[in-house]
Amino acid sequence: MVLFREFSLSLTKEIRAALIDIYGVGWYKAILVTTRLGLSIPYYITNINDFRFRVLSNLLKGFVLSDARIKRIYTSNISLKIDLKGYQGIRHNLSLPLHGQRTRTNARTRKYLKFNLINK
């Protein structure tokens, strides 16, 4: 295992698949970073020397926000919607699905969680 920030990257995975384990890095960012670094497709973390690892970490610092910051932005967006009392904010308060999903037969987990939180 290689530690990068607070994440541990698996040595047996290919470099792009290992980068996806970092919160905030998807396929697109992983491919973008590895092509900027000039790594070929079947490249594993065990093949990276110290210099390339430092360059990789600097590239990721430029492309990726920290996970705490991403979560803070996400929760602030939700609280803003709740404060504005828009449709999605009301649905958040009621613990119901937001994007037009069916609630008569689906959304059992959301309803179940809401029911348990009210009755406790």
N, C-alpha and C. Protein backbone atom coordinates (compact mmCIF):
# COMPACT_ATOMS: atom_id res chain seq x y z
N MET A 1 0.83 -1.18 0.00
CA MET A 1 0.00 0.00 0.00
C MET A 1 0.88 1.25 0.00
N VAL A 2 0.50 2.19 -0.81
CA VAL A 2 1.18 3.47 -0.88
C VAL A 2 0.22 4.52 -0.34
N LEU A 3 0.68 5.35 0.58
CA LEU A 3 -0.18 6.38 1.14
C LEU A 3 -0.07 7.64 0.30
N PHE A 4 -1.21 8.14 -0.12
CA PHE A 4 -1.28 9.42 -0.81
C PHE A 4 -2.33 10.24 -0.11
N ARG A 5 -1.91 11.37 0.45
CA ARG A 5 -2.73 12.15 1.37
C ARG A 5 -3.20 11.21 2.47
N GLU A 6 -4.50 11.07 2.66
CA GLU A 6 -4.98 10.13 3.67
C GLU A 6 -5.51 8.84 3.06
N PHE A 7 -5.29 8.66 1.77
CA PHE A 7 -5.78 7.48 1.07
C PHE A 7 -4.64 6.48 0.87
N SER A 8 -4.97 5.22 0.96
CA SER A 8 -3.97 4.19 0.67
C SER A 8 -4.28 3.59 -0.70
N LEU A 9 -3.30 3.63 -1.57
CA LEU A 9 -3.45 3.13 -2.93
C LEU A 9 -2.93 1.71 -3.01
N SER A 10 -3.67 0.85 -3.64
CA SER A 10 -3.29 -0.55 -3.76
C SER A 10 -2.16 -0.73 -4.77
N LEU A 11 -1.19 -1.56 -4.42
CA LEU A 11 -0.05 -1.79 -5.30
C LEU A 11 -0.38 -2.73 -6.45
N THR A 12 -1.41 -3.55 -6.30
CA THR A 12 -1.73 -4.54 -7.32
C THR A 12 -2.60 -3.97 -8.44
N LYS A 13 -3.16 -2.78 -8.23
CA LYS A 13 -4.03 -2.19 -9.25
C LYS A 13 -3.22 -1.40 -10.27
N GLU A 14 -3.83 -1.22 -11.42
CA GLU A 14 -3.26 -0.34 -12.42
C GLU A 14 -3.41 1.09 -11.91
N ILE A 15 -2.53 2.00 -12.34
CA ILE A 15 -2.44 3.33 -11.75
C ILE A 15 -3.76 4.11 -11.84
N ARG A 16 -4.45 4.01 -12.97
CA ARG A 16 -5.71 4.76 -13.11
C ARG A 16 -6.78 4.22 -12.18
N ALA A 17 -6.87 2.90 -12.06
CA ALA A 17 -7.86 2.31 -11.16
C ALA A 17 -7.54 2.63 -9.71
N ALA A 18 -6.27 2.74 -9.38
CA ALA A 18 -5.89 3.08 -8.00
C ALA A 18 -6.21 4.54 -7.71
N LEU A 19 -6.05 5.42 -8.69
CA LEU A 19 -6.34 6.84 -8.47
C LEU A 19 -7.82 7.09 -8.25
N ILE A 20 -8.67 6.24 -8.80
CA ILE A 20 -10.11 6.42 -8.65
C ILE A 20 -10.54 6.21 -7.20
N ASP A 21 -9.75 5.49 -6.42
CA ASP A 21 -10.08 5.29 -5.01
C ASP A 21 -10.01 6.58 -4.21
N ILE A 22 -9.35 7.60 -4.73
CA ILE A 22 -9.26 8.89 -4.06
C ILE A 22 -10.58 9.61 -4.23
N TYR A 23 -11.11 10.15 -3.15
CA TYR A 23 -12.39 10.86 -3.18
C TYR A 23 -12.24 12.12 -4.03
N GLY A 24 -13.05 12.25 -5.07
CA GLY A 24 -13.00 13.40 -5.95
C GLY A 24 -12.30 13.13 -7.26
N VAL A 25 -11.77 11.93 -7.45
CA VAL A 25 -11.09 11.58 -8.70
C VAL A 25 -11.93 10.51 -9.39
N GLY A 26 -12.34 10.80 -10.60
CA GLY A 26 -13.08 9.83 -11.40
C GLY A 26 -12.20 9.34 -12.54
N TRP A 27 -12.83 8.66 -13.49
CA TRP A 27 -12.09 8.14 -14.64
C TRP A 27 -11.45 9.26 -15.44
N TYR A 28 -12.18 10.33 -15.66
CA TYR A 28 -11.67 11.39 -16.51
C TYR A 28 -10.42 12.04 -15.90
N LYS A 29 -10.48 12.38 -14.63
CA LYS A 29 -9.33 13.01 -13.99
C LYS A 29 -8.15 12.06 -13.89
N ALA A 30 -8.42 10.78 -13.66
CA ALA A 30 -7.34 9.81 -13.58
C ALA A 30 -6.64 9.68 -14.93
N ILE A 31 -7.39 9.62 -16.02
CA ILE A 31 -6.80 9.54 -17.35
C ILE A 31 -6.05 10.82 -17.68
N LEU A 32 -6.62 11.96 -17.31
CA LEU A 32 -5.98 13.24 -17.58
C LEU A 32 -4.63 13.36 -16.87
N VAL A 33 -4.57 12.96 -15.62
CA VAL A 33 -3.33 13.05 -14.85
C VAL A 33 -2.29 12.08 -15.38
N THR A 34 -2.70 10.85 -15.68
CA THR A 34 -1.71 9.87 -16.16
C THR A 34 -1.17 10.22 -17.55
N THR A 35 -1.99 10.80 -18.41
CA THR A 35 -1.49 11.20 -19.73
C THR A 35 -0.56 12.41 -19.61
N ARG A 36 -0.87 13.32 -18.68
CA ARG A 36 0.04 14.44 -18.46
C ARG A 36 1.39 13.97 -17.93
N LEU A 37 1.35 12.92 -17.14
CA LEU A 37 2.58 12.36 -16.58
C LEU A 37 3.33 11.50 -17.59
N GLY A 38 2.62 11.05 -18.62
CA GLY A 38 3.24 10.27 -19.68
C GLY A 38 3.34 8.79 -19.34
N LEU A 39 2.40 8.28 -18.58
CA LEU A 39 2.41 6.86 -18.22
C LEU A 39 1.61 6.07 -19.23
N SER A 40 2.12 4.91 -19.60
CA SER A 40 1.41 4.06 -20.55
C SER A 40 0.27 3.32 -19.84
N ILE A 41 -0.55 2.64 -20.62
CA ILE A 41 -1.79 2.06 -20.08
C ILE A 41 -1.55 0.98 -19.02
N PRO A 42 -0.80 -0.08 -19.26
CA PRO A 42 -0.66 -1.07 -18.18
C PRO A 42 0.46 -0.70 -17.21
N TYR A 43 0.30 0.41 -16.50
CA TYR A 43 1.34 0.91 -15.62
C TYR A 43 0.86 0.78 -14.18
N TYR A 44 1.65 0.14 -13.35
CA TYR A 44 1.26 -0.13 -11.97
C TYR A 44 2.02 0.79 -11.02
N ILE A 45 1.49 0.94 -9.84
CA ILE A 45 2.07 1.83 -8.85
C ILE A 45 3.45 1.35 -8.43
N THR A 46 3.69 0.06 -8.47
CA THR A 46 4.99 -0.45 -8.06
C THR A 46 6.10 0.01 -9.01
N ASN A 47 5.76 0.41 -10.22
CA ASN A 47 6.76 0.84 -11.20
C ASN A 47 7.12 2.32 -11.10
N ILE A 48 6.43 3.06 -10.22
CA ILE A 48 6.66 4.50 -10.12
C ILE A 48 7.84 4.77 -9.20
N ASN A 49 8.77 5.60 -9.67
CA ASN A 49 9.88 6.01 -8.81
C ASN A 49 9.47 7.23 -7.99
N ASP A 50 10.35 7.70 -7.13
CA ASP A 50 10.02 8.82 -6.23
C ASP A 50 9.74 10.11 -6.99
N PHE A 51 10.51 10.36 -8.03
CA PHE A 51 10.31 11.59 -8.80
C PHE A 51 8.93 11.62 -9.43
N ARG A 52 8.54 10.52 -10.09
CA ARG A 52 7.21 10.48 -10.73
C ARG A 52 6.09 10.54 -9.70
N PHE A 53 6.33 9.96 -8.52
CA PHE A 53 5.29 10.01 -7.48
C PHE A 53 5.10 11.45 -7.00
N ARG A 54 6.22 12.20 -6.86
CA ARG A 54 6.10 13.61 -6.46
C ARG A 54 5.40 14.43 -7.53
N VAL A 55 5.71 14.17 -8.79
CA VAL A 55 5.04 14.89 -9.88
C VAL A 55 3.56 14.53 -9.92
N LEU A 56 3.26 13.25 -9.71
CA LEU A 56 1.86 12.80 -9.67
C LEU A 56 1.10 13.48 -8.54
N SER A 57 1.70 13.58 -7.36
CA SER A 57 1.03 14.23 -6.24
C SER A 57 0.82 15.71 -6.50
N ASN A 58 1.79 16.38 -7.15
CA ASN A 58 1.61 17.79 -7.48
C ASN A 58 0.52 18.00 -8.52
N LEU A 59 0.44 17.11 -9.50
CA LEU A 59 -0.64 17.20 -10.49
C LEU A 59 -2.00 17.01 -9.84
N LEU A 60 -2.09 16.05 -8.94
CA LEU A 60 -3.37 15.80 -8.28
C LEU A 60 -3.76 16.95 -7.36
N LYS A 61 -2.79 17.60 -6.74
CA LYS A 61 -3.11 18.77 -5.92
C LYS A 61 -3.71 19.88 -6.77
N GLY A 62 -3.27 19.99 -8.01
CA GLY A 62 -3.81 21.00 -8.90
C GLY A 62 -5.19 20.67 -9.44
N PHE A 63 -5.47 19.40 -9.63
CA PHE A 63 -6.73 18.99 -10.24
C PHE A 63 -7.83 18.64 -9.24
N VAL A 64 -7.47 18.23 -8.03
CA VAL A 64 -8.46 17.66 -7.11
C VAL A 64 -8.52 18.49 -5.84
N LEU A 65 -9.74 18.79 -5.41
CA LEU A 65 -9.95 19.41 -4.11
C LEU A 65 -9.84 18.34 -3.03
N SER A 66 -9.59 18.74 -1.81
CA SER A 66 -9.53 17.76 -0.73
C SER A 66 -10.93 17.24 -0.45
N ASP A 67 -11.01 16.04 0.12
CA ASP A 67 -12.32 15.43 0.32
C ASP A 67 -13.15 16.20 1.33
N ALA A 68 -12.54 16.78 2.34
CA ALA A 68 -13.29 17.55 3.32
C ALA A 68 -13.90 18.79 2.67
N ARG A 69 -13.16 19.39 1.75
CA ARG A 69 -13.66 20.57 1.07
C ARG A 69 -14.83 20.22 0.14
N ILE A 70 -14.73 19.10 -0.55
CA ILE A 70 -15.81 18.66 -1.43
C ILE A 70 -17.07 18.39 -0.61
N LYS A 71 -16.92 17.70 0.53
CA LYS A 71 -18.08 17.41 1.37
C LYS A 71 -18.68 18.68 1.96
N ARG A 72 -17.83 19.66 2.29
CA ARG A 72 -18.33 20.93 2.83
C ARG A 72 -19.12 21.67 1.77
N ILE A 73 -18.64 21.68 0.53
CA ILE A 73 -19.37 22.33 -0.57
C ILE A 73 -20.70 21.64 -0.79
N TYR A 74 -20.70 20.30 -0.76
CA TYR A 74 -21.93 19.53 -0.97
C TYR A 74 -22.97 19.84 0.10
N THR A 75 -22.56 19.84 1.37
CA THR A 75 -23.51 20.12 2.44
C THR A 75 -23.97 21.57 2.43
N SER A 76 -23.09 22.51 2.04
CA SER A 76 -23.52 23.91 1.97
C SER A 76 -24.53 24.12 0.84
N ASN A 77 -24.38 23.39 -0.27
CA ASN A 77 -25.36 23.49 -1.35
C ASN A 77 -26.72 22.96 -0.91
N ILE A 78 -26.71 21.87 -0.16
CA ILE A 78 -27.98 21.31 0.34
C ILE A 78 -28.62 22.27 1.33
N SER A 79 -27.84 22.83 2.25
CA SER A 79 -28.41 23.75 3.23
C SER A 79 -28.92 25.02 2.58
N LEU A 80 -28.27 25.46 1.48
CA LEU A 80 -28.75 26.62 0.75
C LEU A 80 -30.11 26.34 0.13
N LYS A 81 -30.27 25.14 -0.45
CA LYS A 81 -31.56 24.78 -1.03
C LYS A 81 -32.65 24.70 0.05
N ILE A 82 -32.28 24.22 1.22
CA ILE A 82 -33.26 24.15 2.32
C ILE A 82 -33.62 25.54 2.79
N ASP A 83 -32.64 26.44 2.89
CA ASP A 83 -32.90 27.81 3.35
C ASP A 83 -33.75 28.60 2.36
N LEU A 84 -33.56 28.35 1.06
CA LEU A 84 -34.34 29.04 0.05
C LEU A 84 -35.77 28.53 -0.04
N LYS A 85 -36.01 27.39 0.58
CA LYS A 85 -37.34 26.75 0.59
C LYS A 85 -37.85 26.49 -0.82
N GLY A 86 -36.94 26.07 -1.69
CA GLY A 86 -37.33 25.66 -3.02
C GLY A 86 -37.85 24.23 -2.99
N TYR A 87 -38.19 23.72 -4.16
CA TYR A 87 -38.77 22.38 -4.26
C TYR A 87 -37.80 21.33 -3.72
N GLN A 88 -36.54 21.40 -4.16
CA GLN A 88 -35.58 20.40 -3.71
C GLN A 88 -35.27 20.53 -2.23
N GLY A 89 -35.29 21.76 -1.70
CA GLY A 89 -35.06 21.94 -0.27
C GLY A 89 -36.17 21.33 0.56
N ILE A 90 -37.39 21.48 0.11
CA ILE A 90 -38.53 20.87 0.81
C ILE A 90 -38.43 19.36 0.76
N ARG A 91 -38.06 18.82 -0.40
CA ARG A 91 -37.90 17.37 -0.52
C ARG A 91 -36.77 16.86 0.37
N HIS A 92 -35.69 17.65 0.53
CA HIS A 92 -34.63 17.26 1.45
C HIS A 92 -35.15 17.21 2.88
N ASN A 93 -35.92 18.22 3.28
CA ASN A 93 -36.47 18.24 4.64
C ASN A 93 -37.39 17.07 4.92
N LEU A 94 -38.15 16.67 3.92
CA LEU A 94 -39.08 15.56 4.09
C LEU A 94 -38.43 14.20 3.87
N SER A 95 -37.15 14.18 3.53
CA SER A 95 -36.40 12.95 3.24
C SER A 95 -37.07 12.14 2.13
N LEU A 96 -37.42 12.81 1.06
CA LEU A 96 -38.03 12.18 -0.10
C LEU A 96 -37.09 12.31 -1.29
N PRO A 97 -37.27 11.48 -2.33
CA PRO A 97 -36.42 11.61 -3.52
C PRO A 97 -36.58 12.97 -4.19
N LEU A 98 -35.52 13.46 -4.80
CA LEU A 98 -35.52 14.83 -5.31
C LEU A 98 -35.82 14.95 -6.79
N HIS A 99 -35.41 14.01 -7.57
CA HIS A 99 -35.38 14.20 -9.02
C HIS A 99 -36.50 13.47 -9.74
N GLY A 100 -37.69 13.50 -9.20
CA GLY A 100 -38.83 12.96 -9.90
C GLY A 100 -38.98 11.46 -9.85
N GLN A 101 -38.30 10.79 -8.93
CA GLN A 101 -38.46 9.36 -8.85
C GLN A 101 -39.84 9.01 -8.28
N ARG A 102 -40.27 7.81 -8.58
CA ARG A 102 -41.56 7.33 -8.13
C ARG A 102 -41.50 7.03 -6.64
N THR A 103 -42.51 7.47 -5.90
CA THR A 103 -42.50 7.23 -4.45
C THR A 103 -43.60 6.27 -4.00
N ARG A 104 -44.49 5.93 -4.90
CA ARG A 104 -45.57 5.04 -4.48
C ARG A 104 -45.06 3.62 -4.25
N THR A 105 -44.24 3.11 -5.17
CA THR A 105 -43.73 1.76 -5.00
C THR A 105 -42.23 1.73 -4.76
N ASN A 106 -41.52 2.77 -5.14
CA ASN A 106 -40.08 2.81 -4.92
C ASN A 106 -39.77 3.70 -3.72
N ALA A 107 -38.52 4.02 -3.53
CA ALA A 107 -38.05 4.92 -2.47
C ALA A 107 -38.35 4.38 -1.09
N ARG A 108 -38.34 3.08 -0.94
CA ARG A 108 -38.63 2.50 0.36
C ARG A 108 -37.57 2.84 1.39
N THR A 109 -36.32 2.91 0.98
CA THR A 109 -35.28 3.20 1.95
C THR A 109 -35.42 4.62 2.48
N ARG A 110 -35.72 5.58 1.61
CA ARG A 110 -35.87 6.96 2.06
C ARG A 110 -37.06 7.08 3.00
N LYS A 111 -38.17 6.43 2.63
CA LYS A 111 -39.35 6.48 3.50
C LYS A 111 -39.10 5.74 4.81
N TYR A 112 -38.40 4.62 4.74
CA TYR A 112 -38.12 3.83 5.92
C TYR A 112 -37.23 4.60 6.88
N LEU A 113 -36.21 5.26 6.37
CA LEU A 113 -35.34 6.05 7.21
C LEU A 113 -36.09 7.21 7.85
N LYS A 114 -36.95 7.86 7.08
CA LYS A 114 -37.73 8.97 7.61
C LYS A 114 -38.67 8.48 8.70
N PHE A 115 -39.32 7.36 8.48
CA PHE A 115 -40.26 6.81 9.45
C PHE A 115 -39.55 6.46 10.75
N ASN A 116 -38.36 5.88 10.65
CA ASN A 116 -37.60 5.50 11.84
C ASN A 116 -37.07 6.72 12.58
N LEU A 117 -36.69 7.78 11.86
CA LEU A 117 -36.18 8.97 12.52
C LEU A 117 -37.30 9.71 13.27
N ILE A 118 -38.51 9.70 12.71
CA ILE A 118 -39.63 10.38 13.36
C ILE A 118 -40.09 9.62 14.60
N ASN A 119 -40.12 8.31 14.52
CA ASN A 119 -40.66 7.50 15.61
C ASN A 119 -39.68 7.26 16.75
N LYS A 120 -38.44 7.69 16.63
CA LYS A 120 -37.47 7.47 17.72
C LYS A 120 -37.55 8.55 18.75
